[in-house]
PDB file of N, CA and C in Angstrom:
ATOM      1  N   MET A   1     -10.981   0.281  -3.206  1.00  0.00           N
ATOM      2  CA  MET A   1     -11.295  -0.848  -4.055  1.00  0.00           C
ATOM      3  C   MET A   1     -12.699  -0.696  -4.632  1.00  0.00           C
ATOM      4  N   SER A   2     -12.842  -1.197  -5.808  1.00  0.00           N
ATOM      5  CA  SER A   2     -14.131  -1.169  -6.472  1.00  0.00           C
ATOM      6  C   SER A   2     -15.110  -2.122  -5.788  1.00  0.00           C
ATOM      7  N   LEU A   3     -16.354  -1.725  -5.717  1.00  0.00           N
ATOM      8  CA  LEU A   3     -17.366  -2.589  -5.123  1.00  0.00           C
ATOM      9  C   LEU A   3     -17.875  -3.631  -6.118  1.00  0.00           C
ATOM     10  N   LYS A   4     -17.580  -3.439  -7.404  1.00  0.00           N
ATOM     11  CA  LYS A   4     -17.975  -4.419  -8.405  1.00  0.00           C
ATOM     12  C   LYS A   4     -17.132  -5.668  -8.231  1.00  0.00           C
ATOM     13  N   SER A   5     -17.729  -6.797  -8.498  1.00  0.00           N
ATOM     14  CA  SER A   5     -17.006  -8.061  -8.434  1.00  0.00           C
ATOM     15  C   SER A   5     -17.174  -8.802  -9.751  1.00  0.00           C
ATOM     16  N   LYS A   6     -16.184  -9.620 -10.048  1.00  0.00           N
ATOM     17  CA  LYS A   6     -16.244 -10.458 -11.236  1.00  0.00           C
ATOM     18  C   LYS A   6     -15.663 -11.808 -10.873  1.00  0.00           C
ATOM     19  N   ASN A   7     -16.359 -12.858 -11.238  1.00  0.00           N
ATOM     20  CA  ASN A   7     -15.853 -14.206 -10.982  1.00  0.00           C
ATOM     21  C   ASN A   7     -14.747 -14.530 -11.973  1.00  0.00           C
ATOM     22  N   ILE A   8     -13.666 -15.105 -11.451  1.00  0.00           N
ATOM     23  CA  ILE A   8     -12.586 -15.580 -12.305  1.00  0.00           C
ATOM     24  C   ILE A   8     -12.184 -16.973 -11.834  1.00  0.00           C
ATOM     25  N   THR A   9     -11.485 -17.660 -12.674  1.00  0.00           N
ATOM     26  CA  THR A   9     -11.017 -19.003 -12.335  1.00  0.00           C
ATOM     27  C   THR A   9      -9.505 -18.994 -12.333  1.00  0.00           C
ATOM     28  N   PHE A  10      -8.923 -19.564 -11.287  1.00  0.00           N
ATOM     29  CA  PHE A  10      -7.476 -19.711 -11.210  1.00  0.00           C
ATOM     30  C   PHE A  10      -7.164 -20.950 -10.401  1.00  0.00           C
ATOM     31  N   SER A  11      -5.937 -21.380 -10.471  1.00  0.00           N
ATOM     32  CA  SER A  11      -5.530 -22.602  -9.780  1.00  0.00           C
ATOM     33  C   SER A  11      -4.689 -22.271  -8.560  1.00  0.00           C
ATOM     34  N   LEU A  12      -4.962 -23.009  -7.483  1.00  0.00           N
ATOM     35  CA  LEU A  12      -4.182 -22.900  -6.248  1.00  0.00           C
ATOM     36  C   LEU A  12      -3.820 -24.314  -5.800  1.00  0.00           C
ATOM     37  N   PRO A  13      -2.732 -24.454  -5.066  1.00  0.00           N
ATOM     38  CA  PRO A  13      -2.402 -25.778  -4.531  1.00  0.00           C
ATOM     39  C   PRO A  13      -3.520 -26.277  -3.613  1.00  0.00           C
ATOM     40  N   VAL A  14      -3.797 -27.566  -3.690  1.00  0.00           N
ATOM     41  CA  VAL A  14      -4.885 -28.172  -2.927  1.00  0.00           C
ATOM     42  C   VAL A  14      -4.719 -27.914  -1.434  1.00  0.00           C
ATOM     43  N   ASP A  15      -3.484 -28.029  -0.919  1.00  0.00           N
ATOM     44  CA  ASP A  15      -3.290 -27.836   0.522  1.00  0.00           C
ATOM     45  C   ASP A  15      -3.596 -26.409   0.946  1.00  0.00           C
ATOM     46  N   LEU A  16      -3.356 -25.448   0.065  1.00  0.00           N
ATOM     47  CA  LEU A  16      -3.680 -24.060   0.378  1.00  0.00           C
ATOM     48  C   LEU A  16      -5.192 -23.856   0.417  1.00  0.00           C
ATOM     49  N   ILE A  17      -5.887 -24.454  -0.525  1.00  0.00           N
ATOM     50  CA  ILE A  17      -7.351 -24.361  -0.533  1.00  0.00           C
ATOM     51  C   ILE A  17      -7.923 -24.996   0.732  1.00  0.00           C
ATOM     52  N   GLU A  18      -7.363 -26.120   1.139  1.00  0.00           N
ATOM     53  CA  GLU A  18      -7.832 -26.779   2.365  1.00  0.00           C
ATOM     54  C   GLU A  18      -7.596 -25.890   3.584  1.00  0.00           C
ATOM     55  N   LYS A  19      -6.450 -25.234   3.625  1.00  0.00           N
ATOM     56  CA  LYS A  19      -6.169 -24.330   4.744  1.00  0.00           C
ATOM     57  C   LYS A  19      -7.138 -23.150   4.739  1.00  0.00           C
ATOM     58  N   LEU A  20      -7.435 -22.612   3.566  1.00  0.00           N
ATOM     59  CA  LEU A  20      -8.400 -21.514   3.467  1.00  0.00           C
ATOM     60  C   LEU A  20      -9.784 -21.964   3.939  1.00  0.00           C
ATOM     61  N   ARG A  21     -10.186 -23.157   3.523  1.00  0.00           N
ATOM     62  CA  ARG A  21     -11.497 -23.679   3.954  1.00  0.00           C
ATOM     63  C   ARG A  21     -11.527 -23.862   5.470  1.00  0.00           C
ATOM     64  N   GLU A  22     -10.430 -24.354   6.022  1.00  0.00           N
ATOM     65  CA  GLU A  22     -10.350 -24.523   7.478  1.00  0.00           C
ATOM     66  C   GLU A  22     -10.446 -23.170   8.178  1.00  0.00           C
ATOM     67  N   CYS A  23      -9.777 -22.164   7.630  1.00  0.00           N
ATOM     68  CA  CYS A  23      -9.860 -20.808   8.210  1.00  0.00           C
ATOM     69  C   CYS A  23     -11.295 -20.296   8.166  1.00  0.00           C
ATOM     70  N   ALA A  24     -11.986 -20.552   7.072  1.00  0.00           N
ATOM     71  CA  ALA A  24     -13.384 -20.128   6.955  1.00  0.00           C
ATOM     72  C   ALA A  24     -14.265 -20.913   7.917  1.00  0.00           C
ATOM     73  N   ASP A  25     -14.042 -22.214   8.007  1.00  0.00           N
ATOM     74  CA  ASP A  25     -14.838 -23.054   8.918  1.00  0.00           C
ATOM     75  C   ASP A  25     -14.655 -22.634  10.376  1.00  0.00           C
ATOM     76  N   ASN A  26     -13.464 -22.153  10.723  1.00  0.00           N
ATOM     77  CA  ASN A  26     -13.174 -21.718  12.090  1.00  0.00           C
ATOM     78  C   ASN A  26     -13.439 -20.226  12.302  1.00  0.00           C
ATOM     79  N   ASN A  27     -14.109 -19.614  11.323  1.00  0.00           N
ATOM     80  CA  ASN A  27     -14.494 -18.203  11.384  1.00  0.00           C
ATOM     81  C   ASN A  27     -13.307 -17.242  11.516  1.00  0.00           C
ATOM     82  N   HIS A  28     -12.146 -17.642  10.993  1.00  0.00           N
ATOM     83  CA  HIS A  28     -11.004 -16.729  10.954  1.00  0.00           C
ATOM     84  C   HIS A  28     -11.135 -15.769   9.770  1.00  0.00           C
ATOM     85  N   ILE A  29     -11.838 -16.204   8.752  1.00  0.00           N
ATOM     86  CA  ILE A  29     -12.170 -15.388   7.586  1.00  0.00           C
ATOM     87  C   ILE A  29     -13.631 -15.648   7.255  1.00  0.00           C
ATOM     88  N   PRO A  30     -14.317 -14.668   6.644  1.00  0.00           N
ATOM     89  CA  PRO A  30     -15.738 -14.875   6.349  1.00  0.00           C
ATOM     90  C   PRO A  30     -15.997 -16.003   5.353  1.00  0.00           C
ATOM     91  N   SER A  31     -15.081 -16.160   4.390  1.00  0.00           N
ATOM     92  CA  SER A  31     -15.231 -17.194   3.365  1.00  0.00           C
ATOM     93  C   SER A  31     -13.888 -17.376   2.673  1.00  0.00           C
ATOM     94  N   VAL A  32     -13.790 -18.434   1.885  1.00  0.00           N
ATOM     95  CA  VAL A  32     -12.566 -18.653   1.108  1.00  0.00           C
ATOM     96  C   VAL A  32     -12.351 -17.476   0.155  1.00  0.00           C
ATOM     97  N   SER A  33     -13.419 -17.064  -0.500  1.00  0.00           N
ATOM     98  CA  SER A  33     -13.304 -15.933  -1.434  1.00  0.00           C
ATOM     99  C   SER A  33     -12.825 -14.666  -0.721  1.00  0.00           C
ATOM    100  N   ALA A  34     -13.364 -14.427   0.466  1.00  0.00           N
ATOM    101  CA  ALA A  34     -12.950 -13.243   1.225  1.00  0.00           C
ATOM    102  C   ALA A  34     -11.480 -13.338   1.609  1.00  0.00           C
ATOM    103  N   GLY A  35     -11.018 -14.529   1.979  1.00  0.00           N
ATOM    104  CA  GLY A  35      -9.612 -14.717   2.319  1.00  0.00           C
ATOM    105  C   GLY A  35      -8.702 -14.483   1.132  1.00  0.00           C
ATOM    106  N   VAL A  36      -9.101 -15.008  -0.017  1.00  0.00           N
ATOM    107  CA  VAL A  36      -8.307 -14.802  -1.243  1.00  0.00           C
ATOM    108  C   VAL A  36      -8.294 -13.325  -1.608  1.00  0.00           C
ATOM    109  N   ARG A  37      -9.455 -12.669  -1.527  1.00  0.00           N
ATOM    110  CA  ARG A  37      -9.549 -11.252  -1.860  1.00  0.00           C
ATOM    111  C   ARG A  37      -8.646 -10.424  -0.947  1.00  0.00           C
ATOM    112  N   GLU A  38      -8.705 -10.693   0.358  1.00  0.00           N
ATOM    113  CA  GLU A  38      -7.873  -9.944   1.304  1.00  0.00           C
ATOM    114  C   GLU A  38      -6.392 -10.176   1.026  1.00  0.00           C
ATOM    115  N   ALA A  39      -6.020 -11.411   0.749  1.00  0.00           N
ATOM    116  CA  ALA A  39      -4.618 -11.723   0.471  1.00  0.00           C
ATOM    117  C   ALA A  39      -4.138 -10.992  -0.785  1.00  0.00           C
ATOM    118  N   ILE A  40      -4.964 -10.970  -1.815  1.00  0.00           N
ATOM    119  CA  ILE A  40      -4.580 -10.294  -3.055  1.00  0.00           C
ATOM    120  C   ILE A  40      -4.516  -8.784  -2.844  1.00  0.00           C
ATOM    121  N   GLU A  41      -5.452  -8.228  -2.074  1.00  0.00           N
ATOM    122  CA  GLU A  41      -5.410  -6.794  -1.770  1.00  0.00           C
ATOM    123  C   GLU A  41      -4.112  -6.429  -1.054  1.00  0.00           C
ATOM    124  N   GLN A  42      -3.724  -7.254  -0.077  1.00  0.00           N
ATOM    125  CA  GLN A  42      -2.482  -7.004   0.649  1.00  0.00           C
ATOM    126  C   GLN A  42      -1.275  -7.150  -0.269  1.00  0.00           C
ATOM    127  N   TYR A  43      -1.291  -8.144  -1.129  1.00  0.00           N
ATOM    128  CA  TYR A  43      -0.198  -8.377  -2.072  1.00  0.00           C
ATOM    129  C   TYR A  43      -0.032  -7.183  -3.009  1.00  0.00           C
ATOM    130  N   VAL A  44      -1.137  -6.717  -3.569  1.00  0.00           N
ATOM    131  CA  VAL A  44      -1.090  -5.573  -4.484  1.00  0.00           C
ATOM    132  C   VAL A  44      -0.636  -4.315  -3.736  1.00  0.00           C
ATOM    133  N   ALA A  45      -1.112  -4.116  -2.514  1.00  0.00           N
ATOM    134  CA  ALA A  45      -0.692  -2.959  -1.713  1.00  0.00           C
ATOM    135  C   ALA A  45       0.818  -3.002  -1.463  1.00  0.00           C
ATOM    136  N   ASN A  46       1.348  -4.186  -1.195  1.00  0.00           N
ATOM    137  CA  ASN A  46       2.793  -4.320  -0.984  1.00  0.00           C
ATOM    138  C   ASN A  46       3.575  -4.000  -2.252  1.00  0.00           C
ATOM    139  N   ILE A  47       3.068  -4.441  -3.396  1.00  0.00           N
ATOM    140  CA  ILE A  47       3.723  -4.131  -4.674  1.00  0.00           C
ATOM    141  C   ILE A  47       3.709  -2.621  -4.908  1.00  0.00           C
ATOM    142  N   GLU A  48       2.554  -1.983  -4.668  1.00  0.00           N
ATOM    143  CA  GLU A  48       2.454  -0.535  -4.858  1.00  0.00           C
ATOM    144  C   GLU A  48       3.370   0.213  -3.893  1.00  0.00           C
ATOM    145  N   LYS A  49       3.456  -0.256  -2.651  1.00  0.00           N
ATOM    146  CA  LYS A  49       4.331   0.375  -1.661  1.00  0.00           C
ATOM    147  C   LYS A  49       5.787   0.270  -2.092  1.00  0.00           C
ATOM    148  N   LYS A  50       6.191  -0.895  -2.595  1.00  0.00           N
ATOM    149  CA  LYS A  50       7.563  -1.077  -3.057  1.00  0.00           C
ATOM    150  C   LYS A  50       7.842  -0.189  -4.268  1.00  0.00           C
ATOM    151  N   ALA A  51       6.884  -0.094  -5.179  1.00  0.00           N
ATOM    152  CA  ALA A  51       7.064   0.755  -6.365  1.00  0.00           C
ATOM    153  C   ALA A  51       7.238   2.217  -5.950  1.00  0.00           C
ATOM    154  N   LEU A  52       6.446   2.675  -4.973  1.00  0.00           N
ATOM    155  CA  LEU A  52       6.580   4.047  -4.477  1.00  0.00           C
ATOM    156  C   LEU A  52       7.942   4.240  -3.819  1.00  0.00           C
ATOM    157  N   HIS A  53       8.351   3.270  -3.025  1.00  0.00           N
ATOM    158  CA  HIS A  53       9.670   3.346  -2.375  1.00  0.00           C
ATOM    159  C   HIS A  53      10.767   3.448  -3.421  1.00  0.00           C
ATOM    160  N   ASP A  54      10.682   2.624  -4.469  1.00  0.00           N
ATOM    161  CA  ASP A  54      11.694   2.652  -5.528  1.00  0.00           C
ATOM    162  C   ASP A  54      11.740   4.009  -6.218  1.00  0.00           C
ATOM    163  N   LYS A  55      10.569   4.602  -6.465  1.00  0.00           N
ATOM    164  CA  LYS A  55      10.518   5.926  -7.100  1.00  0.00           C
ATOM    165  C   LYS A  55      11.107   6.991  -6.175  1.00  0.00           C
ATOM    166  N   MET A  56      10.826   6.872  -4.879  1.00  0.00           N
ATOM    167  CA  MET A  56      11.381   7.849  -3.929  1.00  0.00           C
ATOM    168  C   MET A  56      12.900   7.720  -3.848  1.00  0.00           C
ATOM    169  N   MET A  57      13.405   6.503  -3.879  1.00  0.00           N
ATOM    170  CA  MET A  57      14.854   6.299  -3.862  1.00  0.00           C
ATOM    171  C   MET A  57      15.493   6.862  -5.132  1.00  0.00           C
ATOM    172  N   GLU A  58      14.814   6.677  -6.243  1.00  0.00           N
ATOM    173  CA  GLU A  58      15.301   7.229  -7.509  1.00  0.00           C
ATOM    174  C   GLU A  58      15.324   8.761  -7.440  1.00  0.00           C
ATOM    175  N   ALA A  59      14.274   9.340  -6.897  1.00  0.00           N
ATOM    176  CA  ALA A  59      14.207  10.801  -6.771  1.00  0.00           C
ATOM    177  C   ALA A  59      15.288  11.310  -5.826  1.00  0.00           C
ATOM    178  N   ALA A  60      15.555  10.566  -4.763  1.00  0.00           N
ATOM    179  CA  ALA A  60      16.572  10.979  -3.794  1.00  0.00           C
ATOM    180  C   ALA A  60      17.958  11.014  -4.422  1.00  0.00           C
ATOM    181  N   ASN A  61      18.148  10.262  -5.490  1.00  0.00           N
ATOM    182  CA  ASN A  61      19.429  10.256  -6.185  1.00  0.00           C
ATOM    183  C   ASN A  61      19.470  11.213  -7.369  1.00  0.00           C
ATOM    184  N   ASP A  62      18.399  11.979  -7.552  1.00  0.00           N
ATOM    185  CA  ASP A  62      18.317  12.954  -8.645  1.00  0.00           C
ATOM    186  C   ASP A  62      18.689  14.323  -8.091  1.00  0.00           C
ATOM    187  N   ALA A  63      19.846  14.832  -8.486  1.00  0.00           N
ATOM    188  CA  ALA A  63      20.354  16.096  -7.951  1.00  0.00           C
ATOM    189  C   ALA A  63      19.401  17.257  -8.208  1.00  0.00           C
ATOM    190  N   LEU A  64      18.811  17.324  -9.388  1.00  0.00           N
ATOM    191  CA  LEU A  64      17.889  18.425  -9.692  1.00  0.00           C
ATOM    192  C   LEU A  64      16.634  18.356  -8.821  1.00  0.00           C
ATOM    193  N   PHE A  65      16.108  17.161  -8.622  1.00  0.00           N
ATOM    194  CA  PHE A  65      14.938  17.001  -7.766  1.00  0.00           C
ATOM    195  C   PHE A  65      15.255  17.431  -6.338  1.00  0.00           C
ATOM    196  N   MET A  66      16.385  16.967  -5.824  1.00  0.00           N
ATOM    197  CA  MET A  66      16.760  17.297  -4.450  1.00  0.00           C
ATOM    198  C   MET A  66      17.000  18.799  -4.289  1.00  0.00           C
ATOM    199  N   LYS A  67      17.573  19.445  -5.293  1.00  0.00           N
ATOM    200  CA  LYS A  67      17.783  20.900  -5.235  1.00  0.00           C
ATOM    201  C   LYS A  67      16.434  21.615  -5.212  1.00  0.00           C
ATOM    202  N   ASP A  68      15.507  21.179  -6.057  1.00  0.00           N
ATOM    203  CA  ASP A  68      14.173  21.773  -6.089  1.00  0.00           C
ATOM    204  C   ASP A  68      13.454  21.556  -4.762  1.00  0.00           C
ATOM    205  N   LEU A  69      13.568  20.371  -4.191  1.00  0.00           N
ATOM    206  CA  LEU A  69      12.965  20.079  -2.899  1.00  0.00           C
ATOM    207  C   LEU A  69      13.539  20.983  -1.815  1.00  0.00           C
ATOM    208  N   HIS A  70      14.852  21.127  -1.799  1.00  0.00           N
ATOM    209  CA  HIS A  70      15.502  21.997  -0.814  1.00  0.00           C
ATOM    210  C   HIS A  70      15.026  23.442  -0.975  1.00  0.00           C
ATOM    211  N   ASN A  71      14.953  23.921  -2.217  1.00  0.00           N
ATOM    212  CA  ASN A  71      14.485  25.292  -2.470  1.00  0.00           C
ATOM    213  C   ASN A  71      13.043  25.481  -1.994  1.00  0.00           C
ATOM    214  N   SER A  72      12.200  24.498  -2.244  1.00  0.00           N
ATOM    215  CA  SER A  72      10.807  24.591  -1.809  1.00  0.00           C
ATOM    216  C   SER A  72      10.712  24.596  -0.286  1.00  0.00           C
ATOM    217  N   MET A  73      11.487  23.747   0.360  1.00  0.00           N
ATOM    218  CA  MET A  73      11.465  23.689   1.821  1.00  0.00           C
ATOM    219  C   MET A  73      11.966  25.011   2.411  1.00  0.00           C
ATOM    220  N   SER A  74      12.982  25.568   1.815  1.00  0.00           N
ATOM    221  CA  SER A  74      13.515  26.849   2.290  1.00  0.00           C
ATOM    222  C   SER A  74      12.489  27.962   2.118  1.00  0.00           C
ATOM    223  N   ALA A  75      11.805  27.963   0.980  1.00  0.00           N
ATOM    224  CA  ALA A  75      10.822  29.004   0.690  1.00  0.00           C
ATOM    225  C   ALA A  75       9.674  28.992   1.694  1.00  0.00           C
ATOM    226  N   PHE A  76       9.328  27.832   2.226  1.00  0.00           N
ATOM    227  CA  PHE A  76       8.208  27.722   3.146  1.00  0.00           C
ATOM    228  C   PHE A  76       8.628  27.590   4.605  1.00  0.00           C
ATOM    229  N   SER A  77       9.898  27.701   4.897  1.00  0.00           N
ATOM    230  CA  SER A  77      10.370  27.473   6.263  1.00  0.00           C
ATOM    231  C   SER A  77       9.764  28.453   7.269  1.00  0.00           C
ATOM    232  N   VAL A  78       9.607  29.719   6.889  1.00  0.00           N
ATOM    233  CA  VAL A  78       9.041  30.706   7.808  1.00  0.00           C
ATOM    234  C   VAL A  78       7.575  30.385   8.105  1.00  0.00           C
ATOM    235  N   SER A  79       6.790  30.127   7.061  1.00  0.00           N
ATOM    236  CA  SER A  79       5.374  29.826   7.288  1.00  0.00           C
ATOM    237  C   SER A  79       5.207  28.488   8.000  1.00  0.00           C
ATOM    238  N   ASP A  80       6.086  27.525   7.738  1.00  0.00           N
ATOM    239  CA  ASP A  80       6.032  26.255   8.466  1.00  0.00           C
ATOM    240  C   ASP A  80       6.291  26.479   9.954  1.00  0.00           C
ATOM    241  N   ALA A  81       7.265  27.330  10.269  1.00  0.00           N
ATOM    242  CA  ALA A  81       7.589  27.613  11.677  1.00  0.00           C
ATOM    243  C   ALA A  81       6.407  28.317  12.358  1.00  0.00           C
ATOM    244  N   GLU A  82       5.767  29.224  11.654  1.00  0.00           N
ATOM    245  CA  GLU A  82       4.611  29.934  12.211  1.00  0.00           C
ATOM    246  C   GLU A  82       3.461  28.953  12.450  1.00  0.00           C
ATOM    247  N   SER A  83       3.236  28.052  11.518  1.00  0.00           N
ATOM    248  CA  SER A  83       2.171  27.053  11.681  1.00  0.00           C
ATOM    249  C   SER A  83       2.448  26.145  12.866  1.00  0.00           C
ATOM    250  N   ALA A  84       3.699  25.782  13.042  1.00  0.00           N
ATOM    251  CA  ALA A  84       4.068  24.911  14.172  1.00  0.00           C
ATOM    252  C   ALA A  84       3.794  25.611  15.493  1.00  0.00           C
ATOM    253  N   LYS A  85       4.037  26.912  15.569  1.00  0.00           N
ATOM    254  CA  LYS A  85       3.768  27.679  16.796  1.00  0.00           C
ATOM    255  C   LYS A  85       2.280  27.706  17.091  1.00  0.00           C
ATOM    256  N   GLU A  86       1.456  27.862  16.035  1.00  0.00           N
ATOM    257  CA  GLU A  86       0.001  27.944  16.203  1.00  0.00           C
ATOM    258  C   GLU A  86      -0.593  26.613  16.675  1.00  0.00           C
ATOM    259  N   GLU A  87       0.023  25.512  16.307  1.00  0.00           N
ATOM    260  CA  GLU A  87      -0.496  24.189  16.666  1.00  0.00           C
ATOM    261  C   GLU A  87      -0.269  23.884  18.145  1.00  0.00           C
ATOM    262  N   LYS A  88       0.688  24.526  18.775  1.00  0.00           N
ATOM    263  CA  LYS A  88       0.998  24.234  20.181  1.00  0.00           C
ATOM    264  C   LYS A  88       0.064  24.891  21.108  1.00  0.00           C
TER     265      LYS A  88
END
């Protein structure tokens, strides 16, 4: 995440803001802003994770991709086996 910050204005339900303030008052979060930032970071991470999952599922259904993946795995199987022996 970028260390730069920018103030923005948005609307939240009053009861949610009260809960955030209570969390901050009870030291569960450093501040309301920190709680909102963490929640948005987690939300965006979940969206990105789902997008990656969707792309992987799409690739898994692509016959050419799967053939290329299989060929690549086969080409490196000997060196992978040798590396596994060295790690033990």
